[in-house]
Amino acid sequence: MLIQYLPIFVLALVVVGFALSNLVLSDVLGKKRRSIGKADVYESGMDPVGGARLRQSIHYYLVAVLFILFDVESIFLIPWAAAGKQLAAMGLGDLVFYQVLIFVGTLGLGLAYVWRKGGLEWDR
């Protein structure tokens, strides 16, 4: 029974071996020049300004959570769109369409509520 999984184990072994050999070879063969410029903090092509422990407004995190919420909920529409023809062939096209319409309407109402309450503005 385990012989069926032998190609997967071999592939996993090759992948892990390749990764480890690349790490070891880069450490052994790589140049070890230390300089002030290499040790400097560098992010997005700009020199850092201020401390690393800057406090952000709670509105920034609320907008991030709302974005993730609506993004994940919109992912639920992909299986429905992919299975549209099969659902229509089974006679479920209208039922599923109205269910998705209710789902999207609920999302729209939630977005309108959050927008009206000012939840999408983090710069206040």
PDB file of N, CA and C in Angstrom:
ATOM      1  N   MET A   1       0.828  -1.194   0.000  1.00  0.00           N
ATOM      2  CA  MET A   1       0.000   0.000   0.000  1.00  0.00           C
ATOM      3  C   MET A   1       0.868   1.251   0.000  1.00  0.00           C
ATOM      4  N   LEU A   2       1.941   1.267   0.785  1.00  0.00           N
ATOM      5  CA  LEU A   2       2.807   2.436   0.834  1.00  0.00           C
ATOM      6  C   LEU A   2       3.609   2.613  -0.444  1.00  0.00           C
ATOM      7  N   ILE A   3       3.727   1.570  -1.245  1.00  0.00           N
ATOM      8  CA  ILE A   3       4.492   1.672  -2.490  1.00  0.00           C
ATOM      9  C   ILE A   3       3.836   2.660  -3.457  1.00  0.00           C
ATOM     10  N   GLN A   4       2.537   2.886  -3.305  1.00  0.00           N
ATOM     11  CA  GLN A   4       1.835   3.847  -4.161  1.00  0.00           C
ATOM     12  C   GLN A   4       2.286   5.276  -3.883  1.00  0.00           C
ATOM     13  N   TYR A   5       2.709   5.522  -2.660  1.00  0.00           N
ATOM     14  CA  TYR A   5       3.128   6.867  -2.271  1.00  0.00           C
ATOM     15  C   TYR A   5       4.624   7.100  -2.446  1.00  0.00           C
ATOM     16  N   LEU A   6       5.338   6.116  -2.964  1.00  0.00           N
ATOM     17  CA  LEU A   6       6.783   6.237  -3.130  1.00  0.00           C
ATOM     18  C   LEU A   6       7.178   7.436  -3.995  1.00  0.00           C
ATOM     19  N   PRO A   7       6.519   7.702  -5.153  1.00  0.00           N
ATOM     20  CA  PRO A   7       6.911   8.891  -5.940  1.00  0.00           C
ATOM     21  C   PRO A   7       6.750  10.201  -5.175  1.00  0.00           C
ATOM     22  N   ILE A   8       5.732  10.293  -4.322  1.00  0.00           N
ATOM     23  CA  ILE A   8       5.528  11.517  -3.546  1.00  0.00           C
ATOM     24  C   ILE A   8       6.639  11.680  -2.518  1.00  0.00           C
ATOM     25  N   PHE A   9       7.013  10.574  -1.859  1.00  0.00           N
ATOM     26  CA  PHE A   9       8.102  10.634  -0.887  1.00  0.00           C
ATOM     27  C   PHE A   9       9.420  10.987  -1.550  1.00  0.00           C
ATOM     28  N   VAL A  10       9.662  10.418  -2.737  1.00  0.00           N
ATOM     29  CA  VAL A  10      10.901  10.717  -3.471  1.00  0.00           C
ATOM     30  C   VAL A  10      10.921  12.191  -3.857  1.00  0.00           C
ATOM     31  N   LEU A  11       9.804  12.704  -4.353  1.00  0.00           N
ATOM     32  CA  LEU A  11       9.737  14.119  -4.723  1.00  0.00           C
ATOM     33  C   LEU A  11       9.964  15.015  -3.511  1.00  0.00           C
ATOM     34  N   ALA A  12       9.353  14.684  -2.387  1.00  0.00           N
ATOM     35  CA  ALA A  12       9.543  15.484  -1.173  1.00  0.00           C
ATOM     36  C   ALA A  12      10.999  15.446  -0.733  1.00  0.00           C
ATOM     37  N   LEU A  13      11.620  14.282  -0.842  1.00  0.00           N
ATOM     38  CA  LEU A  13      13.025  14.148  -0.485  1.00  0.00           C
ATOM     39  C   LEU A  13      13.913  14.983  -1.407  1.00  0.00           C
ATOM     40  N   VAL A  14      13.607  14.980  -2.701  1.00  0.00           N
ATOM     41  CA  VAL A  14      14.378  15.778  -3.660  1.00  0.00           C
ATOM     42  C   VAL A  14      14.215  17.269  -3.370  1.00  0.00           C
ATOM     43  N   VAL A  15      13.004  17.696  -3.085  1.00  0.00           N
ATOM     44  CA  VAL A  15      12.744  19.116  -2.814  1.00  0.00           C
ATOM     45  C   VAL A  15      13.477  19.565  -1.555  1.00  0.00           C
ATOM     46  N   VAL A  16      13.368  18.794  -0.490  1.00  0.00           N
ATOM     47  CA  VAL A  16      14.045  19.158   0.756  1.00  0.00           C
ATOM     48  C   VAL A  16      15.559  19.129   0.570  1.00  0.00           C
ATOM     49  N   GLY A  17      16.063  18.120  -0.145  1.00  0.00           N
ATOM     50  CA  GLY A  17      17.501  18.044  -0.409  1.00  0.00           C
ATOM     51  C   GLY A  17      17.991  19.222  -1.224  1.00  0.00           C
ATOM     52  N   PHE A  18      17.212  19.626  -2.232  1.00  0.00           N
ATOM     53  CA  PHE A  18      17.587  20.764  -3.064  1.00  0.00           C
ATOM     54  C   PHE A  18      17.639  22.046  -2.239  1.00  0.00           C
ATOM     55  N   ALA A  19      16.621  22.238  -1.408  1.00  0.00           N
ATOM     56  CA  ALA A  19      16.578  23.449  -0.581  1.00  0.00           C
ATOM     57  C   ALA A  19      17.738  23.483   0.408  1.00  0.00           C
ATOM     58  N   LEU A  20      17.984  22.384   1.074  1.00  0.00           N
ATOM     59  CA  LEU A  20      19.080  22.349   2.044  1.00  0.00           C
ATOM     60  C   LEU A  20      20.445  22.514   1.370  1.00  0.00           C
ATOM     61  N   SER A  21      20.619  21.875   0.214  1.00  0.00           N
ATOM     62  CA  SER A  21      21.911  22.015  -0.481  1.00  0.00           C
ATOM     63  C   SER A  21      22.123  23.454  -0.942  1.00  0.00           C
ATOM     64  N   ASN A  22      21.068  24.131  -1.384  1.00  0.00           N
ATOM     65  CA  ASN A  22      21.214  25.542  -1.769  1.00  0.00           C
ATOM     66  C   ASN A  22      21.585  26.411  -0.570  1.00  0.00           C
ATOM     67  N   LEU A  23      20.988  26.153   0.570  1.00  0.00           N
ATOM     68  CA  LEU A  23      21.319  26.927   1.767  1.00  0.00           C
ATOM     69  C   LEU A  23      22.766  26.703   2.189  1.00  0.00           C
ATOM     70  N   VAL A  24      23.193  25.447   2.188  1.00  0.00           N
ATOM     71  CA  VAL A  24      24.563  25.137   2.608  1.00  0.00           C
ATOM     72  C   VAL A  24      25.564  25.698   1.612  1.00  0.00           C
ATOM     73  N   LEU A  25      25.309  25.516   0.310  1.00  0.00           N
ATOM     74  CA  LEU A  25      26.247  26.014  -0.711  1.00  0.00           C
ATOM     75  C   LEU A  25      26.358  27.534  -0.691  1.00  0.00           C
ATOM     76  N   SER A  26      25.251  28.221  -0.501  1.00  0.00           N
ATOM     77  CA  SER A  26      25.326  29.683  -0.459  1.00  0.00           C
ATOM     78  C   SER A  26      26.089  30.159   0.759  1.00  0.00           C
ATOM     79  N   ASP A  27      25.976  29.441   1.853  1.00  0.00           N
ATOM     80  CA  ASP A  27      26.716  29.818   3.055  1.00  0.00           C
ATOM     81  C   ASP A  27      28.206  29.516   2.902  1.00  0.00           C
ATOM     82  N   VAL A  28      28.524  28.419   2.267  1.00  0.00           N
ATOM     83  CA  VAL A  28      29.929  28.024   2.117  1.00  0.00           C
ATOM     84  C   VAL A  28      30.625  28.839   1.028  1.00  0.00           C
ATOM     85  N   LEU A  29      29.961  29.000  -0.114  1.00  0.00           N
ATOM     86  CA  LEU A  29      30.599  29.655  -1.256  1.00  0.00           C
ATOM     87  C   LEU A  29      30.376  31.162  -1.308  1.00  0.00           C
ATOM     88  N   GLY A  30      29.431  31.670  -0.532  1.00  0.00           N
ATOM     89  CA  GLY A  30      29.127  33.089  -0.596  1.00  0.00           C
ATOM     90  C   GLY A  30      30.212  33.951   0.014  1.00  0.00           C
ATOM     91  N   LYS A  31      30.274  35.204  -0.462  1.00  0.00           N
ATOM     92  CA  LYS A  31      31.268  36.137   0.069  1.00  0.00           C
ATOM     93  C   LYS A  31      30.818  36.640   1.432  1.00  0.00           C
ATOM     94  N   LYS A  32      31.761  36.856   2.290  1.00  0.00           N
ATOM     95  CA  LYS A  32      31.475  37.267   3.672  1.00  0.00           C
ATOM     96  C   LYS A  32      31.909  38.702   3.927  1.00  0.00           C
ATOM     97  N   ARG A  33      31.618  39.587   3.057  1.00  0.00           N
ATOM     98  CA  ARG A  33      32.010  40.990   3.261  1.00  0.00           C
ATOM     99  C   ARG A  33      30.961  41.700   4.106  1.00  0.00           C
ATOM    100  N   ARG A  34      31.372  42.185   5.219  1.00  0.00           N
ATOM    101  CA  ARG A  34      30.491  42.948   6.099  1.00  0.00           C
ATOM    102  C   ARG A  34      30.753  44.431   5.883  1.00  0.00           C
ATOM    103  N   SER A  35      29.686  45.206   5.837  1.00  0.00           N
ATOM    104  CA  SER A  35      29.843  46.649   5.683  1.00  0.00           C
ATOM    105  C   SER A  35      28.705  47.346   6.411  1.00  0.00           C
ATOM    106  N   ILE A  36      28.881  48.645   6.614  1.00  0.00           N
ATOM    107  CA  ILE A  36      27.855  49.425   7.313  1.00  0.00           C
ATOM    108  C   ILE A  36      26.586  49.489   6.475  1.00  0.00           C
ATOM    109  N   GLY A  37      26.746  49.595   5.175  1.00  0.00           N
ATOM    110  CA  GLY A  37      25.585  49.695   4.292  1.00  0.00           C
ATOM    111  C   GLY A  37      24.722  48.447   4.303  1.00  0.00           C
ATOM    112  N   LYS A  38      25.348  47.269   4.413  1.00  0.00           N
ATOM    113  CA  LYS A  38      24.582  46.031   4.440  1.00  0.00           C
ATOM    114  C   LYS A  38      23.818  45.859   5.744  1.00  0.00           C
ATOM    115  N   ALA A  39      24.332  46.398   6.811  1.00  0.00           N
ATOM    116  CA  ALA A  39      23.681  46.249   8.108  1.00  0.00           C
ATOM    117  C   ALA A  39      22.592  47.299   8.330  1.00  0.00           C
ATOM    118  N   ASP A  40      22.491  48.289   7.435  1.00  0.00           N
ATOM    119  CA  ASP A  40      21.494  49.342   7.575  1.00  0.00           C
ATOM    120  C   ASP A  40      20.082  48.809   7.336  1.00  0.00           C
ATOM    121  N   VAL A  41      19.118  49.423   7.987  1.00  0.00           N
ATOM    122  CA  VAL A  41      17.725  49.090   7.770  1.00  0.00           C
ATOM    123  C   VAL A  41      17.296  49.715   6.446  1.00  0.00           C
ATOM    124  N   TYR A  42      16.614  48.934   5.627  1.00  0.00           N
ATOM    125  CA  TYR A  42      16.206  49.400   4.313  1.00  0.00           C
ATOM    126  C   TYR A  42      14.829  48.837   4.021  1.00  0.00           C
ATOM    127  N   GLU A  43      13.882  49.711   3.713  1.00  0.00           N
ATOM    128  CA  GLU A  43      12.553  49.235   3.426  1.00  0.00           C
ATOM    129  C   GLU A  43      11.930  50.081   2.328  1.00  0.00           C
ATOM    130  N   SER A  44      11.485  49.427   1.297  1.00  0.00           N
ATOM    131  CA  SER A  44      10.764  50.061   0.190  1.00  0.00           C
ATOM    132  C   SER A  44      11.557  51.186  -0.451  1.00  0.00           C
ATOM    133  N   GLY A  45      12.855  51.108  -0.455  1.00  0.00           N
ATOM    134  CA  GLY A  45      13.676  52.107  -1.121  1.00  0.00           C
ATOM    135  C   GLY A  45      13.803  53.417  -0.383  1.00  0.00           C
ATOM    136  N   MET A  46      13.342  53.450   0.854  1.00  0.00           N
ATOM    137  CA  MET A  46      13.387  54.698   1.612  1.00  0.00           C
ATOM    138  C   MET A  46      14.083  54.458   2.942  1.00  0.00           C
ATOM    139  N   ASP A  47      14.778  55.474   3.415  1.00  0.00           N
ATOM    140  CA  ASP A  47      15.367  55.392   4.740  1.00  0.00           C
ATOM    141  C   ASP A  47      14.255  55.483   5.782  1.00  0.00           C
ATOM    142  N   PRO A  48      14.335  54.696   6.843  1.00  0.00           N
ATOM    143  CA  PRO A  48      13.285  54.745   7.862  1.00  0.00           C
ATOM    144  C   PRO A  48      13.297  56.072   8.613  1.00  0.00           C
ATOM    145  N   VAL A  49      12.099  56.556   8.908  1.00  0.00           N
ATOM    146  CA  VAL A  49      11.943  57.796   9.658  1.00  0.00           C
ATOM    147  C   VAL A  49      11.149  57.479  10.918  1.00  0.00           C
ATOM    148  N   GLY A  50      11.648  57.834  12.049  1.00  0.00           N
ATOM    149  CA  GLY A  50      10.948  57.586  13.296  1.00  0.00           C
ATOM    150  C   GLY A  50      11.248  56.213  13.849  1.00  0.00           C
ATOM    151  N   GLY A  51      10.556  55.887  14.924  1.00  0.00           N
ATOM    152  CA  GLY A  51      10.777  54.616  15.593  1.00  0.00           C
ATOM    153  C   GLY A  51       9.982  53.489  14.950  1.00  0.00           C
ATOM    154  N   ALA A  52      10.350  52.274  15.286  1.00  0.00           N
ATOM    155  CA  ALA A  52       9.668  51.112  14.743  1.00  0.00           C
ATOM    156  C   ALA A  52       8.376  50.817  15.495  1.00  0.00           C
ATOM    157  N   ARG A  53       8.208  51.376  16.653  1.00  0.00           N
ATOM    158  CA  ARG A  53       7.041  51.093  17.485  1.00  0.00           C
ATOM    159  C   ARG A  53       6.028  52.225  17.418  1.00  0.00           C
ATOM    160  N   LEU A  54       5.744  52.714  16.231  1.00  0.00           N
ATOM    161  CA  LEU A  54       4.775  53.781  16.047  1.00  0.00           C
ATOM    162  C   LEU A  54       3.369  53.243  16.251  1.00  0.00           C
ATOM    163  N   ARG A  55       2.563  53.937  16.980  1.00  0.00           N
ATOM    164  CA  ARG A  55       1.191  53.486  17.220  1.00  0.00           C
ATOM    165  C   ARG A  55       0.298  53.909  16.067  1.00  0.00           C
ATOM    166  N   GLN A  56      -0.514  52.994  15.598  1.00  0.00           N
ATOM    167  CA  GLN A  56      -1.462  53.259  14.526  1.00  0.00           C
ATOM    168  C   GLN A  56      -2.853  53.479  15.121  1.00  0.00           C
ATOM    169  N   SER A  57      -3.643  54.239  14.404  1.00  0.00           N
ATOM    170  CA  SER A  57      -5.017  54.457  14.831  1.00  0.00           C
ATOM    171  C   SER A  57      -5.805  53.152  14.698  1.00  0.00           C
ATOM    172  N   ILE A  58      -6.802  52.974  15.558  1.00  0.00           N
ATOM    173  CA  ILE A  58      -7.627  51.775  15.508  1.00  0.00           C
ATOM    174  C   ILE A  58      -8.407  51.706  14.201  1.00  0.00           C
ATOM    175  N   HIS A  59      -8.661  52.837  13.589  1.00  0.00           N
ATOM    176  CA  HIS A  59      -9.409  52.852  12.331  1.00  0.00           C
ATOM    177  C   HIS A  59      -8.635  52.157  11.219  1.00  0.00           C
ATOM    178  N   TYR A  60      -7.328  52.237  11.266  1.00  0.00           N
ATOM    179  CA  TYR A  60      -6.504  51.542  10.273  1.00  0.00           C
ATOM    180  C   TYR A  60      -6.767  50.035  10.351  1.00  0.00           C
ATOM    181  N   TYR A  61      -6.803  49.487  11.554  1.00  0.00           N
ATOM    182  CA  TYR A  61      -7.018  48.056  11.719  1.00  0.00           C
ATOM    183  C   TYR A  61      -8.454  47.672  11.395  1.00  0.00           C
ATOM    184  N   LEU A  62      -9.405  48.538  11.694  1.00  0.00           N
ATOM    185  CA  LEU A  62     -10.791  48.257  11.346  1.00  0.00           C
ATOM    186  C   LEU A  62     -10.970  48.164   9.833  1.00  0.00           C
ATOM    187  N   VAL A  63     -10.346  49.064   9.103  1.00  0.00           N
ATOM    188  CA  VAL A  63     -10.431  49.016   7.650  1.00  0.00           C
ATOM    189  C   VAL A  63      -9.785  47.730   7.132  1.00  0.00           C
ATOM    190  N   ALA A  64      -8.667  47.324   7.725  1.00  0.00           N
ATOM    191  CA  ALA A  64      -7.997  46.096   7.299  1.00  0.00           C
ATOM    192  C   ALA A  64      -8.887  44.882   7.555  1.00  0.00           C
ATOM    193  N   VAL A  65      -9.518  44.826   8.706  1.00  0.00           N
ATOM    194  CA  VAL A  65     -10.392  43.698   9.022  1.00  0.00           C
ATOM    195  C   VAL A  65     -11.604  43.688   8.104  1.00  0.00           C
ATOM    196  N   LEU A  66     -12.169  44.853   7.835  1.00  0.00           N
ATOM    197  CA  LEU A  66     -13.323  44.915   6.923  1.00  0.00           C
ATOM    198  C   LEU A  66     -12.927  44.501   5.511  1.00  0.00           C
ATOM    199  N   PHE A  67     -11.731  44.889   5.081  1.00  0.00           N
ATOM    200  CA  PHE A  67     -11.274  44.473   3.762  1.00  0.00           C
ATOM    201  C   PHE A  67     -11.166  42.957   3.690  1.00  0.00           C
ATOM    202  N   ILE A  68     -10.570  42.347   4.709  1.00  0.00           N
ATOM    203  CA  ILE A  68     -10.426  40.887   4.715  1.00  0.00           C
ATOM    204  C   ILE A  68     -11.801  40.223   4.746  1.00  0.00           C
ATOM    205  N   LEU A  69     -12.708  40.769   5.540  1.00  0.00           N
ATOM    206  CA  LEU A  69     -14.048  40.212   5.644  1.00  0.00           C
ATOM    207  C   LEU A  69     -14.754  40.209   4.290  1.00  0.00           C
ATOM    208  N   PHE A  70     -14.788  41.347   3.615  1.00  0.00           N
ATOM    209  CA  PHE A  70     -15.477  41.428   2.330  1.00  0.00           C
ATOM    210  C   PHE A  70     -14.728  40.660   1.248  1.00  0.00           C
ATOM    211  N   ASP A  71     -13.415  40.594   1.350  1.00  0.00           N
ATOM    212  CA  ASP A  71     -12.630  39.853   0.376  1.00  0.00           C
ATOM    213  C   ASP A  71     -12.908  38.358   0.487  1.00  0.00           C
ATOM    214  N   VAL A  72     -12.927  37.842   1.702  1.00  0.00           N
ATOM    215  CA  VAL A  72     -13.189  36.413   1.894  1.00  0.00           C
ATOM    216  C   VAL A  72     -14.617  36.082   1.487  1.00  0.00           C
ATOM    217  N   GLU A  73     -15.551  36.948   1.806  1.00  0.00           N
ATOM    218  CA  GLU A  73     -16.933  36.678   1.418  1.00  0.00           C
ATOM    219  C   GLU A  73     -17.108  36.714  -0.094  1.00  0.00           C
ATOM    220  N   SER A  74     -16.363  37.557  -0.771  1.00  0.00           N
ATOM    221  CA  SER A  74     -16.484  37.588  -2.233  1.00  0.00           C
ATOM    222  C   SER A  74     -15.892  36.339  -2.876  1.00  0.00           C
ATOM    223  N   ILE A  75     -14.986  35.657  -2.168  1.00  0.00           N
ATOM    224  CA  ILE A  75     -14.425  34.413  -2.697  1.00  0.00           C
ATOM    225  C   ILE A  75     -15.502  33.338  -2.795  1.00  0.00           C
ATOM    226  N   PHE A  76     -16.543  33.425  -1.981  1.00  0.00           N
ATOM    227  CA  PHE A  76     -17.627  32.457  -2.047  1.00  0.00           C
ATOM    228  C   PHE A  76     -18.392  32.541  -3.372  1.00  0.00           C
ATOM    229  N   LEU A  77     -18.238  33.614  -4.113  1.00  0.00           N
ATOM    230  CA  LEU A  77     -18.926  33.740  -5.394  1.00  0.00           C
ATOM    231  C   LEU A  77     -18.242  32.951  -6.500  1.00  0.00           C
ATOM    232  N   ILE A  78     -16.975  32.625  -6.343  1.00  0.00           N
ATOM    233  CA  ILE A  78     -16.229  31.947  -7.400  1.00  0.00           C
ATOM    234  C   ILE A  78     -16.772  30.541  -7.677  1.00  0.00           C
ATOM    235  N   PRO A  79     -17.020  29.702  -6.658  1.00  0.00           N
ATOM    236  CA  PRO A  79     -17.577  28.377  -6.968  1.00  0.00           C
ATOM    237  C   PRO A  79     -18.946  28.454  -7.638  1.00  0.00           C
ATOM    238  N   TRP A  80     -19.744  29.419  -7.240  1.00  0.00           N
ATOM    239  CA  TRP A  80     -21.054  29.564  -7.872  1.00  0.00           C
ATOM    240  C   TRP A  80     -20.903  29.924  -9.351  1.00  0.00           C
ATOM    241  N   ALA A  81     -19.985  30.822  -9.655  1.00  0.00           N
ATOM    242  CA  ALA A  81     -19.781  31.217 -11.044  1.00  0.00           C
ATOM    243  C   ALA A  81     -19.205  30.065 -11.865  1.00  0.00           C
ATOM    244  N   ALA A  82     -18.327  29.267 -11.253  1.00  0.00           N
ATOM    245  CA  ALA A  82     -17.718  28.152 -11.976  1.00  0.00           C
ATOM    246  C   ALA A  82     -18.725  27.032 -12.237  1.00  0.00           C
ATOM    247  N   ALA A  83     -19.689  26.857 -11.354  1.00  0.00           N
ATOM    248  CA  ALA A  83     -20.657  25.767 -11.491  1.00  0.00           C
ATOM    249  C   ALA A  83     -21.976  26.236 -12.079  1.00  0.00           C
ATOM    250  N   GLY A  84     -21.998  27.403 -12.694  1.00  0.00           N
ATOM    251  CA  GLY A  84     -23.248  27.959 -13.203  1.00  0.00           C
ATOM    252  C   GLY A  84     -23.947  27.098 -14.227  1.00  0.00           C
ATOM    253  N   LYS A  85     -23.211  26.578 -15.197  1.00  0.00           N
ATOM    254  CA  LYS A  85     -23.835  25.752 -16.252  1.00  0.00           C
ATOM    255  C   LYS A  85     -24.353  24.429 -15.697  1.00  0.00           C
ATOM    256  N   GLN A  86     -23.580  23.816 -14.788  1.00  0.00           N
ATOM    257  CA  GLN A  86     -24.025  22.546 -14.211  1.00  0.00           C
ATOM    258  C   GLN A  86     -25.278  22.742 -13.360  1.00  0.00           C
ATOM    259  N   LEU A  87     -25.341  23.852 -12.637  1.00  0.00           N
ATOM    260  CA  LEU A  87     -26.524  24.122 -11.819  1.00  0.00           C
ATOM    261  C   LEU A  87     -27.744  24.372 -12.694  1.00  0.00           C
ATOM    262  N   ALA A  88     -27.549  25.061 -13.812  1.00  0.00           N
ATOM    263  CA  ALA A  88     -28.665  25.305 -14.729  1.00  0.00           C
ATOM    264  C   ALA A  88     -29.128  24.006 -15.362  1.00  0.00           C
ATOM    265  N   ALA A  89     -28.197  23.118 -15.669  1.00  0.00           N
ATOM    266  CA  ALA A  89     -28.562  21.830 -16.274  1.00  0.00           C
ATOM    267  C   ALA A  89     -29.338  20.958 -15.291  1.00  0.00           C
ATOM    268  N   MET A  90     -29.094  21.095 -14.001  1.00  0.00           N
ATOM    269  CA  MET A  90     -29.808  20.305 -12.998  1.00  0.00           C
ATOM    270  C   MET A  90     -31.141  20.946 -12.617  1.00  0.00           C
ATOM    271  N   GLY A  91     -31.429  22.108 -13.160  1.00  0.00           N
ATOM    272  CA  GLY A  91     -32.681  22.780 -12.829  1.00  0.00           C
ATOM    273  C   GLY A  91     -32.605  23.614 -11.574  1.00  0.00           C
ATOM    274  N   LEU A  92     -31.413  23.845 -11.070  1.00  0.00           N
ATOM    275  CA  LEU A  92     -31.243  24.629  -9.848  1.00  0.00           C
ATOM    276  C   LEU A  92     -30.769  26.050 -10.130  1.00  0.00           C
ATOM    277  N   GLY A  93     -30.694  26.424 -11.378  1.00  0.00           N
ATOM    278  CA  GLY A  93     -30.136  27.720 -11.741  1.00  0.00           C
ATOM    279  C   GLY A  93     -30.858  28.892 -11.105  1.00  0.00           C
ATOM    280  N   ASP A  94     -32.188  28.875 -11.155  1.00  0.00           N
ATOM    281  CA  ASP A  94     -32.956  29.990 -10.601  1.00  0.00           C
ATOM    282  C   ASP A  94     -32.836  30.060  -9.081  1.00  0.00           C
ATOM    283  N   LEU A  95     -32.922  28.908  -8.423  1.00  0.00           N
ATOM    284  CA  LEU A  95     -32.833  28.874  -6.966  1.00  0.00           C
ATOM    285  C   LEU A  95     -31.480  29.403  -6.496  1.00  0.00           C
ATOM    286  N   VAL A  96     -30.409  28.917  -7.098  1.00  0.00           N
ATOM    287  CA  VAL A  96     -29.071  29.351  -6.698  1.00  0.00           C
ATOM    288  C   VAL A  96     -28.862  30.819  -7.048  1.00  0.00           C
ATOM    289  N   PHE A  97     -29.413  31.268  -8.174  1.00  0.00           N
ATOM    290  CA  PHE A  97     -29.287  32.677  -8.542  1.00  0.00           C
ATOM    291  C   PHE A  97     -29.905  33.577  -7.479  1.00  0.00           C
ATOM    292  N   TYR A  98     -31.086  33.208  -6.995  1.00  0.00           N
ATOM    293  CA  TYR A  98     -31.730  34.040  -5.978  1.00  0.00           C
ATOM    294  C   TYR A  98     -30.993  33.974  -4.636  1.00  0.00           C
ATOM    295  N   GLN A  99     -30.417  32.816  -4.328  1.00  0.00           N
ATOM    296  CA  GLN A  99     -29.621  32.710  -3.109  1.00  0.00           C
ATOM    297  C   GLN A  99     -28.385  33.608  -3.189  1.00  0.00           C
ATOM    298  N   VAL A 100     -27.719  33.602  -4.344  1.00  0.00           N
ATOM    299  CA  VAL A 100     -26.539  34.449  -4.514  1.00  0.00           C
ATOM    300  C   VAL A 100     -26.950  35.922  -4.525  1.00  0.00           C
ATOM    301  N   LEU A 101     -28.094  36.221  -5.091  1.00  0.00           N
ATOM    302  CA  LEU A 101     -28.593  37.596  -5.085  1.00  0.00           C
ATOM    303  C   LEU A 101     -28.826  38.075  -3.645  1.00  0.00           C
ATOM    304  N   ILE A 102     -29.387  37.220  -2.800  1.00  0.00           N
ATOM    305  CA  ILE A 102     -29.577  37.572  -1.392  1.00  0.00           C
ATOM    306  C   ILE A 102     -28.228  37.749  -0.707  1.00  0.00           C
ATOM    307  N   PHE A 103     -27.266  36.869  -1.014  1.00  0.00           N
ATOM    308  CA  PHE A 103     -25.927  36.958  -0.422  1.00  0.00           C
ATOM    309  C   PHE A 103     -25.248  38.267  -0.806  1.00  0.00           C
ATOM    310  N   VAL A 104     -25.280  38.605  -2.082  1.00  0.00           N
ATOM    311  CA  VAL A 104     -24.645  39.845  -2.546  1.00  0.00           C
ATOM    312  C   VAL A 104     -25.392  41.054  -2.002  1.00  0.00           C
ATOM    313  N   GLY A 105     -26.710  40.977  -1.906  1.00  0.00           N
ATOM    314  CA  GLY A 105     -27.481  42.071  -1.321  1.00  0.00           C
ATOM    315  C   GLY A 105     -27.129  42.302   0.144  1.00  0.00           C
ATOM    316  N   THR A 106     -26.941  41.209   0.887  1.00  0.00           N
ATOM    317  CA  THR A 106     -26.535  41.326   2.285  1.00  0.00           C
ATOM    318  C   THR A 106     -25.150  41.956   2.394  1.00  0.00           C
ATOM    319  N   LEU A 107     -24.238  41.530   1.513  1.00  0.00           N
ATOM    320  CA  LEU A 107     -22.913  42.152   1.492  1.00  0.00           C
ATOM    321  C   LEU A 107     -23.014  43.637   1.178  1.00  0.00           C
ATOM    322  N   GLY A 108     -23.849  43.991   0.218  1.00  0.00           N
ATOM    323  CA  GLY A 108     -24.019  45.400  -0.144  1.00  0.00           C
ATOM    324  C   GLY A 108     -24.586  46.218   1.003  1.00  0.00           C
ATOM    325  N   LEU A 109     -25.571  45.650   1.709  1.00  0.00           N
ATOM    326  CA  LEU A 109     -26.130  46.361   2.865  1.00  0.00           C
ATOM    327  C   LEU A 109     -25.085  46.535   3.961  1.00  0.00           C
ATOM    328  N   GLY A 110     -24.295  45.499   4.204  1.00  0.00           N
ATOM    329  CA  GLY A 110     -23.231  45.605   5.207  1.00  0.00           C
ATOM    330  C   GLY A 110     -22.210  46.653   4.828  1.00  0.00           C
ATOM    331  N   LEU A 111     -21.829  46.687   3.554  1.00  0.00           N
ATOM    332  CA  LEU A 111     -20.871  47.688   3.088  1.00  0.00           C
ATOM    333  C   LEU A 111     -21.454  49.098   3.206  1.00  0.00           C
ATOM    334  N   ALA A 112     -22.726  49.262   2.851  1.00  0.00           N
ATOM    335  CA  ALA A 112     -23.363  50.576   2.966  1.00  0.00           C
ATOM    336  C   ALA A 112     -23.418  51.028   4.431  1.00  0.00           C
ATOM    337  N   TYR A 113     -23.708  50.101   5.337  1.00  0.00           N
ATOM    338  CA  TYR A 113     -23.751  50.442   6.757  1.00  0.00           C
ATOM    339  C   TYR A 113     -22.381  50.890   7.262  1.00  0.00           C
ATOM    340  N   VAL A 114     -21.346  50.113   6.908  1.00  0.00           N
ATOM    341  CA  VAL A 114     -19.996  50.446   7.352  1.00  0.00           C
ATOM    342  C   VAL A 114     -19.558  51.778   6.754  1.00  0.00           C
ATOM    343  N   TRP A 115     -19.883  52.006   5.491  1.00  0.00           N
ATOM    344  CA  TRP A 115     -19.507  53.245   4.811  1.00  0.00           C
ATOM    345  C   TRP A 115     -20.199  54.440   5.479  1.00  0.00           C
ATOM    346  N   ARG A 116     -21.501  54.276   5.783  1.00  0.00           N
ATOM    347  CA  ARG A 116     -22.247  55.375   6.389  1.00  0.00           C
ATOM    348  C   ARG A 116     -21.739  55.707   7.792  1.00  0.00           C
ATOM    349  N   LYS A 117     -21.332  54.688   8.533  1.00  0.00           N
ATOM    350  CA  LYS A 117     -20.816  54.900   9.888  1.00  0.00           C
ATOM    351  C   LYS A 117     -19.379  55.433   9.887  1.00  0.00           C
ATOM    352  N   GLY A 118     -18.748  55.511   8.718  1.00  0.00           N
ATOM    353  CA  GLY A 118     -17.391  56.040   8.636  1.00  0.00           C
ATOM    354  C   GLY A 118     -16.317  55.018   8.979  1.00  0.00           C
ATOM    355  N   GLY A 119     -16.653  53.738   8.883  1.00  0.00           N
ATOM    356  CA  GLY A 119     -15.700  52.701   9.224  1.00  0.00           C
ATOM    357  C   GLY A 119     -14.589  52.537   8.203  1.00  0.00           C
ATOM    358  N   LEU A 120     -14.735  53.124   7.037  1.00  0.00           N
ATOM    359  CA  LEU A 120     -13.710  52.987   6.003  1.00  0.00           C
ATOM    360  C   LEU A 120     -12.732  54.137   5.993  1.00  0.00           C
ATOM    361  N   GLU A 121     -12.818  55.033   6.948  1.00  0.00           N
ATOM    362  CA  GLU A 121     -11.908  56.175   7.019  1.00  0.00           C
ATOM    363  C   GLU A 121     -10.974  55.999   8.214  1.00  0.00           C
ATOM    364  N   TRP A 122      -9.715  55.796   7.982  1.00  0.00           N
ATOM    365  CA  TRP A 122      -8.782  55.617   9.079  1.00  0.00           C
ATOM    366  C   TRP A 122      -7.936  56.858   9.335  1.00  0.00           C
ATOM    367  N   ASP A 123      -8.133  57.912   8.577  1.00  0.00           N
ATOM    368  CA  ASP A 123      -7.299  59.106   8.752  1.00  0.00           C
ATOM    369  C   ASP A 123      -7.980  60.201   9.566  1.00  0.00           C
ATOM    370  N   ARG A 124      -8.960  59.857  10.368  1.00  0.00           N
ATOM    371  CA  ARG A 124      -9.600  60.893  11.177  1.00  0.00           C
ATOM    372  C   ARG A 124      -8.985  60.974  12.537  1.00  0.00           C
TER     373      ARG A 124
END
